[in-house]
Amino acid sequence: MLLRAVEKFLRDNGIPATRFGRESVRDPRLVFDLRQGREPGERIKRRIEHFMNAYRRSVGQ
């Protein structure tokens, strides 16, 4: 479910996967690892969701 939301966010905003990972949780491999089955902990999930929500607010979506 998280990966699906991240993929949609990347498509909708035209953000490269490495940039998203670096800016959201300081891990440029984040999206690639999620695609390979990585299951992040609750803290990382919250940071990802917070980043996406803050980004959407800042661009007025």
PDB file of N, CA and C in Angstrom:
ATOM      1  N   MET A   1       0.825  -1.191   0.000  1.00  0.00           N
ATOM      2  CA  MET A   1       0.000   0.000   0.000  1.00  0.00           C
ATOM      3  C   MET A   1       0.873   1.262   0.000  1.00  0.00           C
ATOM      4  N   LEU A   2       1.913   1.284   0.821  1.00  0.00           N
ATOM      5  CA  LEU A   2       2.810   2.440   0.866  1.00  0.00           C
ATOM      6  C   LEU A   2       3.495   2.626  -0.487  1.00  0.00           C
ATOM      7  N   LEU A   3       3.981   1.542  -1.051  1.00  0.00           N
ATOM      8  CA  LEU A   3       4.668   1.639  -2.342  1.00  0.00           C
ATOM      9  C   LEU A   3       3.735   2.208  -3.406  1.00  0.00           C
ATOM     10  N   ARG A   4       2.502   1.780  -3.417  1.00  0.00           N
ATOM     11  CA  ARG A   4       1.534   2.279  -4.395  1.00  0.00           C
ATOM     12  C   ARG A   4       1.348   3.796  -4.238  1.00  0.00           C
ATOM     13  N   ALA A   5       1.242   4.256  -3.005  1.00  0.00           N
ATOM     14  CA  ALA A   5       1.074   5.698  -2.741  1.00  0.00           C
ATOM     15  C   ALA A   5       2.318   6.470  -3.173  1.00  0.00           C
ATOM     16  N   VAL A   6       3.487   5.919  -2.900  1.00  0.00           N
ATOM     17  CA  VAL A   6       4.744   6.578  -3.278  1.00  0.00           C
ATOM     18  C   VAL A   6       4.856   6.643  -4.804  1.00  0.00           C
ATOM     19  N   GLU A   7       4.566   5.547  -5.487  1.00  0.00           N
ATOM     20  CA  GLU A   7       4.653   5.525  -6.953  1.00  0.00           C
ATOM     21  C   GLU A   7       3.710   6.561  -7.562  1.00  0.00           C
ATOM     22  N   LYS A   8       2.502   6.664  -7.039  1.00  0.00           N
ATOM     23  CA  LYS A   8       1.539   7.647  -7.542  1.00  0.00           C
ATOM     24  C   LYS A   8       2.049   9.062  -7.287  1.00  0.00           C
ATOM     25  N   PHE A   9       2.596   9.291  -6.102  1.00  0.00           N
ATOM     26  CA  PHE A   9       3.155  10.599  -5.755  1.00  0.00           C
ATOM     27  C   PHE A   9       4.274  10.974  -6.721  1.00  0.00           C
ATOM     28  N   LEU A  10       5.157  10.032  -7.020  1.00  0.00           N
ATOM     29  CA  LEU A  10       6.269  10.294  -7.937  1.00  0.00           C
ATOM     30  C   LEU A  10       5.746  10.658  -9.323  1.00  0.00           C
ATOM     31  N   ARG A  11       4.779   9.892  -9.820  1.00  0.00           N
ATOM     32  CA  ARG A  11       4.191  10.170 -11.136  1.00  0.00           C
ATOM     33  C   ARG A  11       3.505  11.532 -11.175  1.00  0.00           C
ATOM     34  N   ASP A  12       2.676  11.788 -10.160  1.00  0.00           N
ATOM     35  CA  ASP A  12       1.888  13.023 -10.135  1.00  0.00           C
ATOM     36  C   ASP A  12       2.755  14.276 -10.029  1.00  0.00           C
ATOM     37  N   ASN A  13       3.908  14.148  -9.396  1.00  0.00           N
ATOM     38  CA  ASN A  13       4.748  15.318  -9.138  1.00  0.00           C
ATOM     39  C   ASN A  13       6.034  15.355  -9.959  1.00  0.00           C
ATOM     40  N   GLY A  14       6.279  14.318 -10.738  1.00  0.00           N
ATOM     41  CA  GLY A  14       7.472  14.290 -11.578  1.00  0.00           C
ATOM     42  C   GLY A  14       8.773  14.314 -10.806  1.00  0.00           C
ATOM     43  N   ILE A  15       8.770  13.664  -9.657  1.00  0.00           N
ATOM     44  CA  ILE A  15       9.969  13.641  -8.816  1.00  0.00           C
ATOM     45  C   ILE A  15      10.718  12.318  -9.048  1.00  0.00           C
ATOM     46  N   PRO A  16      12.013  12.368  -9.280  1.00  0.00           N
ATOM     47  CA  PRO A  16      12.791  11.132  -9.416  1.00  0.00           C
ATOM     48  C   PRO A  16      12.816  10.346  -8.094  1.00  0.00           C
ATOM     49  N   ALA A  17      12.893   9.045  -8.198  1.00  0.00           N
ATOM     50  CA  ALA A  17      12.870   8.170  -7.021  1.00  0.00           C
ATOM     51  C   ALA A  17      14.002   8.487  -6.044  1.00  0.00           C
ATOM     52  N   THR A  18      15.187   8.745  -6.560  1.00  0.00           N
ATOM     53  CA  THR A  18      16.319   9.008  -5.661  1.00  0.00           C
ATOM     54  C   THR A  18      16.133  10.316  -4.894  1.00  0.00           C
ATOM     55  N   ARG A  19      15.604  11.323  -5.574  1.00  0.00           N
ATOM     56  CA  ARG A  19      15.354  12.599  -4.895  1.00  0.00           C
ATOM     57  C   ARG A  19      14.308  12.434  -3.801  1.00  0.00           C
ATOM     58  N   PHE A  20      13.257  11.690  -4.115  1.00  0.00           N
ATOM     59  CA  PHE A  20      12.206  11.452  -3.124  1.00  0.00           C
ATOM     60  C   PHE A  20      12.783  10.793  -1.877  1.00  0.00           C
ATOM     61  N   GLY A  21      13.553   9.741  -2.061  1.00  0.00           N
ATOM     62  CA  GLY A  21      14.138   9.045  -0.926  1.00  0.00           C
ATOM     63  C   GLY A  21      15.069   9.910  -0.117  1.00  0.00           C
ATOM     64  N   ARG A  22      15.889  10.686  -0.821  1.00  0.00           N
ATOM     65  CA  ARG A  22      16.856  11.560  -0.149  1.00  0.00           C
ATOM     66  C   ARG A  22      16.133  12.629   0.669  1.00  0.00           C
ATOM     67  N   GLU A  23      15.115  13.255   0.078  1.00  0.00           N
ATOM     68  CA  GLU A  23      14.435  14.349   0.762  1.00  0.00           C
ATOM     69  C   GLU A  23      13.477  13.881   1.850  1.00  0.00           C
ATOM     70  N   SER A  24      12.911  12.692   1.696  1.00  0.00           N
ATOM     71  CA  SER A  24      11.928  12.233   2.686  1.00  0.00           C
ATOM     72  C   SER A  24      12.572  11.550   3.889  1.00  0.00           C
ATOM     73  N   VAL A  25      13.555  10.694   3.643  1.00  0.00           N
ATOM     74  CA  VAL A  25      14.148   9.939   4.762  1.00  0.00           C
ATOM     75  C   VAL A  25      15.668   9.832   4.686  1.00  0.00           C
ATOM     76  N   ARG A  26      16.269  10.678   3.850  1.00  0.00           N
ATOM     77  CA  ARG A  26      17.733  10.697   3.687  1.00  0.00           C
ATOM     78  C   ARG A  26      18.294   9.354   3.202  1.00  0.00           C
ATOM     79  N   ASP A  27      17.535   8.685   2.324  1.00  0.00           N
ATOM     80  CA  ASP A  27      17.965   7.397   1.781  1.00  0.00           C
ATOM     81  C   ASP A  27      17.639   7.362   0.291  1.00  0.00           C
ATOM     82  N   PRO A  28      18.620   7.660  -0.573  1.00  0.00           N
ATOM     83  CA  PRO A  28      18.339   7.700  -2.008  1.00  0.00           C
ATOM     84  C   PRO A  28      17.902   6.351  -2.588  1.00  0.00           C
ATOM     85  N   ARG A  29      18.142   5.261  -1.887  1.00  0.00           N
ATOM     86  CA  ARG A  29      17.738   3.932  -2.370  1.00  0.00           C
ATOM     87  C   ARG A  29      16.352   3.508  -1.887  1.00  0.00           C
ATOM     88  N   LEU A  30      15.690   4.352  -1.130  1.00  0.00           N
ATOM     89  CA  LEU A  30      14.413   3.996  -0.518  1.00  0.00           C
ATOM     90  C   LEU A  30      13.421   3.395  -1.507  1.00  0.00           C
ATOM     91  N   VAL A  31      13.103   4.101  -2.573  1.00  0.00           N
ATOM     92  CA  VAL A  31      12.073   3.630  -3.506  1.00  0.00           C
ATOM     93  C   VAL A  31      12.515   2.334  -4.176  1.00  0.00           C
ATOM     94  N   PHE A  32      13.768   2.240  -4.550  1.00  0.00           N
ATOM     95  CA  PHE A  32      14.264   1.012  -5.178  1.00  0.00           C
ATOM     96  C   PHE A  32      14.151  -0.166  -4.209  1.00  0.00           C
ATOM     97  N   ASP A  33      14.469   0.070  -2.940  1.00  0.00           N
ATOM     98  CA  ASP A  33      14.348  -0.987  -1.938  1.00  0.00           C
ATOM     99  C   ASP A  33      12.888  -1.362  -1.694  1.00  0.00           C
ATOM    100  N   LEU A  34      11.986  -0.388  -1.682  1.00  0.00           N
ATOM    101  CA  LEU A  34      10.561  -0.683  -1.529  1.00  0.00           C
ATOM    102  C   LEU A  34      10.080  -1.552  -2.686  1.00  0.00           C
ATOM    103  N   ARG A  35      10.544  -1.245  -3.872  1.00  0.00           N
ATOM    104  CA  ARG A  35      10.171  -2.043  -5.053  1.00  0.00           C
ATOM    105  C   ARG A  35      10.680  -3.471  -4.953  1.00  0.00           C
ATOM    106  N   GLN A  36      11.749  -3.663  -4.205  1.00  0.00           N
ATOM    107  CA  GLN A  36      12.309  -5.005  -4.018  1.00  0.00           C
ATOM    108  C   GLN A  36      11.730  -5.718  -2.804  1.00  0.00           C
ATOM    109  N   GLY A  37      10.756  -5.103  -2.143  1.00  0.00           N
ATOM    110  CA  GLY A  37      10.087  -5.760  -1.037  1.00  0.00           C
ATOM    111  C   GLY A  37      10.435  -5.268   0.347  1.00  0.00           C
ATOM    112  N   ARG A  38      11.246  -4.230   0.454  1.00  0.00           N
ATOM    113  CA  ARG A  38      11.606  -3.688   1.775  1.00  0.00           C
ATOM    114  C   ARG A  38      10.343  -3.233   2.504  1.00  0.00           C
ATOM    115  N   GLU A  39      10.246  -3.585   3.762  1.00  0.00           N
ATOM    116  CA  GLU A  39       9.131  -3.171   4.616  1.00  0.00           C
ATOM    117  C   GLU A  39       9.667  -2.202   5.663  1.00  0.00           C
ATOM    118  N   PRO A  40       9.431  -0.904   5.474  1.00  0.00           N
ATOM    119  CA  PRO A  40       9.940   0.066   6.443  1.00  0.00           C
ATOM    120  C   PRO A  40       9.161   0.013   7.748  1.00  0.00           C
ATOM    121  N   GLY A  41       9.801   0.452   8.815  1.00  0.00           N
ATOM    122  CA  GLY A  41       9.146   0.524  10.115  1.00  0.00           C
ATOM    123  C   GLY A  41       8.159   1.680  10.167  1.00  0.00           C
ATOM    124  N   GLU A  42       7.431   1.745  11.257  1.00  0.00           N
ATOM    125  CA  GLU A  42       6.401   2.778  11.415  1.00  0.00           C
ATOM    126  C   GLU A  42       6.980   4.184  11.373  1.00  0.00           C
ATOM    127  N   ARG A  43       8.125   4.378  11.967  1.00  0.00           N
ATOM    128  CA  ARG A  43       8.735   5.718  11.984  1.00  0.00           C
ATOM    129  C   ARG A  43       9.057   6.192  10.571  1.00  0.00           C
ATOM    130  N   ILE A  44       9.623   5.316   9.755  1.00  0.00           N
ATOM    131  CA  ILE A  44       9.949   5.667   8.371  1.00  0.00           C
ATOM    132  C   ILE A  44       8.666   5.914   7.582  1.00  0.00           C
ATOM    133  N   LYS A  45       7.656   5.084   7.793  1.00  0.00           N
ATOM    134  CA  LYS A  45       6.372   5.279   7.106  1.00  0.00           C
ATOM    135  C   LYS A  45       5.791   6.651   7.431  1.00  0.00           C
ATOM    136  N   ARG A  46       5.850   7.030   8.691  1.00  0.00           N
ATOM    137  CA  ARG A  46       5.327   8.347   9.090  1.00  0.00           C
ATOM    138  C   ARG A  46       6.118   9.478   8.439  1.00  0.00           C
ATOM    139  N   ARG A  47       7.437   9.321   8.356  1.00  0.00           N
ATOM    140  CA  ARG A  47       8.265  10.352   7.720  1.00  0.00           C
ATOM    141  C   ARG A  47       7.935  10.479   6.234  1.00  0.00           C
ATOM    142  N   ILE A  48       7.713   9.345   5.576  1.00  0.00           N
ATOM    143  CA  ILE A  48       7.360   9.357   4.153  1.00  0.00           C
ATOM    144  C   ILE A  48       6.014  10.053   3.961  1.00  0.00           C
ATOM    145  N   GLU A  49       5.028   9.669   4.753  1.00  0.00           N
ATOM    146  CA  GLU A  49       3.694  10.262   4.644  1.00  0.00           C
ATOM    147  C   GLU A  49       3.727  11.756   4.958  1.00  0.00           C
ATOM    148  N   HIS A  50       4.496  12.128   5.963  1.00  0.00           N
ATOM    149  CA  HIS A  50       4.627  13.546   6.305  1.00  0.00           C
ATOM    150  C   HIS A  50       5.240  14.322   5.146  1.00  0.00           C
ATOM    151  N   PHE A  51       6.282  13.778   4.552  1.00  0.00           N
ATOM    152  CA  PHE A  51       6.926  14.450   3.425  1.00  0.00           C
ATOM    153  C   PHE A  51       5.937  14.651   2.282  1.00  0.00           C
ATOM    154  N   MET A  52       5.183  13.598   1.931  1.00  0.00           N
ATOM    155  CA  MET A  52       4.235  13.711   0.817  1.00  0.00           C
ATOM    156  C   MET A  52       3.151  14.742   1.125  1.00  0.00           C
ATOM    157  N   ASN A  53       2.632  14.733   2.346  1.00  0.00           N
ATOM    158  CA  ASN A  53       1.599  15.700   2.724  1.00  0.00           C
ATOM    159  C   ASN A  53       2.132  17.132   2.707  1.00  0.00           C
ATOM    160  N   ALA A  54       3.327  17.335   3.259  1.00  0.00           N
ATOM    161  CA  ALA A  54       3.919  18.675   3.278  1.00  0.00           C
ATOM    162  C   ALA A  54       4.212  19.155   1.865  1.00  0.00           C
ATOM    163  N   TYR A  55       4.681  18.283   1.012  1.00  0.00           N
ATOM    164  CA  TYR A  55       4.981  18.654  -0.363  1.00  0.00           C
ATOM    165  C   TYR A  55       3.708  19.065  -1.090  1.00  0.00           C
ATOM    166  N   ARG A  56       2.655  18.286  -0.907  1.00  0.00           N
ATOM    167  CA  ARG A  56       1.367  18.609  -1.549  1.00  0.00           C
ATOM    168  C   ARG A  56       0.847  19.959  -1.077  1.00  0.00           C
ATOM    169  N   ARG A  57       0.963  20.235   0.213  1.00  0.00           N
ATOM    170  CA  ARG A  57       0.518  21.529   0.736  1.00  0.00           C
ATOM    171  C   ARG A  57       1.341  22.670   0.146  1.00  0.00           C
ATOM    172  N   SER A  58       2.632  22.443  -0.011  1.00  0.00           N
ATOM    173  CA  SER A  58       3.502  23.515  -0.499  1.00  0.00           C
ATOM    174  C   SER A  58       3.268  23.845  -1.980  1.00  0.00           C
ATOM    175  N   VAL A  59       2.794  22.876  -2.738  1.00  0.00           N
ATOM    176  CA  VAL A  59       2.519  23.141  -4.162  1.00  0.00           C
ATOM    177  C   VAL A  59       1.022  23.340  -4.415  1.00  0.00           C
ATOM    178  N   GLY A  60       0.218  23.261  -3.360  1.00  0.00           N
ATOM    179  CA  GLY A  60      -1.203  23.548  -3.483  1.00  0.00           C
ATOM    180  C   GLY A  60      -2.042  22.500  -4.168  1.00  0.00           C
ATOM    181  N   GLN A  61      -1.729  21.240  -3.944  1.00  0.00           N
ATOM    182  CA  GLN A  61      -2.526  20.162  -4.543  1.00  0.00           C
ATOM    183  C   GLN A  61      -3.696  19.823  -3.678  1.00  0.00           C
TER     184      GLN A  61
END
